[in-house]
Amino acid sequence: MSKLKYPLELLIYPRESSGKGIYSLAKLDNDEISAVIYHYETETWELLPNHWIKNIVKADAVTVPEEILHLNGLGSLIGKKFEKI
């Protein structure tokens, strides 16, 4: 089973859906792409099933405000260059 590549390599700016987490796409250790969610409570990233990729990439997904990224210890993502997917 593939695991997230560390250091974490997000491919798109984090998005938010229904206030339950921060979603993005990340590279795996085998260089494949997976949908991921950041859990506020545990401050960890978790792999999601492949069908999530389509939902995360959708144009109407809301990007996460910088303040939320800072509050969750993800401020290093601000200003980072992301791939175009």
Protein backbone atom coordinates (compact mmCIF):
# COMPACT_ATOMS: atom_id res chain seq x y z
CA MET A 1 0.00 0.00 0.00
CA SER A 2 1.34 3.42 -0.95
CA LYS A 3 1.97 6.10 1.63
CA LEU A 4 2.21 9.88 1.50
CA LYS A 5 5.55 11.22 0.34
CA TYR A 6 7.41 13.17 3.04
CA PRO A 7 8.08 15.96 3.21
CA LEU A 8 4.47 16.36 2.15
CA GLU A 9 4.11 17.51 -1.45
CA LEU A 10 0.70 19.04 -2.13
CA LEU A 11 -0.09 19.59 -5.80
CA ILE A 12 -2.97 22.08 -5.53
CA TYR A 13 -3.78 24.86 -3.10
CA PRO A 14 -5.83 23.42 -0.22
CA ARG A 15 -9.62 23.52 -0.60
CA GLU A 16 -12.40 23.36 1.95
CA SER A 17 -15.68 21.52 1.76
CA SER A 18 -18.43 21.65 4.39
CA GLY A 19 -16.06 22.75 7.15
CA LYS A 20 -15.00 19.17 7.90
CA GLY A 21 -11.44 19.43 6.72
CA ILE A 22 -8.88 20.78 4.31
CA TYR A 23 -8.64 18.85 1.06
CA SER A 24 -5.89 18.70 -1.53
CA LEU A 25 -4.00 16.36 -3.84
CA ALA A 26 -0.64 15.00 -2.73
CA LYS A 27 2.14 12.87 -4.13
CA LEU A 28 2.61 9.36 -2.81
CA ASP A 29 5.94 7.67 -2.20
CA ASN A 30 5.56 5.90 -5.58
CA ASP A 31 4.96 9.29 -7.32
CA GLU A 32 1.24 8.60 -7.92
CA ILE A 33 -1.33 11.20 -6.88
CA SER A 34 -3.91 10.79 -4.13
CA ALA A 35 -6.68 12.90 -2.67
CA VAL A 36 -5.95 13.84 0.94
CA ILE A 37 -7.76 15.46 3.85
CA TYR A 38 -6.24 17.32 6.79
CA HIS A 39 -8.02 16.56 10.07
CA TYR A 40 -8.22 19.56 12.38
CA GLU A 41 -8.53 17.45 15.53
CA THR A 42 -5.49 15.23 15.00
CA GLU A 43 -3.46 17.62 12.80
CA THR A 44 -2.76 14.80 10.35
CA TRP A 45 -3.25 14.12 6.63
CA GLU A 46 -5.19 11.05 5.51
CA LEU A 47 -5.46 9.43 2.09
CA LEU A 48 -8.91 9.45 0.47
CA PRO A 49 -10.37 7.12 -2.18
CA ASN A 50 -9.54 8.03 -5.79
CA HIS A 51 -13.05 9.25 -6.63
CA TRP A 52 -12.34 12.27 -4.37
CA ILE A 53 -9.79 13.63 -6.85
CA LYS A 54 -12.56 14.79 -9.18
CA ASN A 55 -14.40 16.60 -6.35
CA ILE A 56 -11.29 18.36 -5.11
CA VAL A 57 -10.24 19.57 -8.57
CA LYS A 58 -13.69 21.00 -9.38
CA ALA A 59 -13.56 24.71 -10.13
CA ASP A 60 -16.27 25.59 -7.60
CA ALA A 61 -14.32 24.22 -4.62
CA VAL A 62 -13.58 26.96 -2.08
CA THR A 63 -9.91 27.67 -1.35
CA VAL A 64 -8.92 27.73 2.31
CA PRO A 65 -8.34 31.25 3.67
CA GLU A 66 -4.80 32.01 4.80
CA GLU A 67 -5.99 32.60 8.39
CA ILE A 68 -7.31 29.03 8.60
CA LEU A 69 -4.03 27.63 7.27
CA HIS A 70 -2.09 29.62 9.89
CA LEU A 71 -4.41 28.50 12.70
CA ASN A 72 -3.86 24.87 11.74
CA GLY A 73 -0.09 25.10 11.48
CA LEU A 74 -0.16 25.02 7.67
CA GLY A 75 1.09 28.54 7.06
CA SER A 76 4.05 27.18 5.10
CA LEU A 77 1.62 26.45 2.24
CA ILE A 78 0.97 30.15 1.72
CA GLY A 79 2.95 31.49 -1.20
CA LYS A 80 4.03 27.99 -2.28
CA LYS A 81 3.86 27.29 -6.01
CA PHE A 82 1.44 24.52 -6.92
CA GLU A 83 1.13 22.49 -10.10
CA LYS A 84 -1.76 23.20 -12.44
CA ILE A 85 -4.07 20.20 -12.54
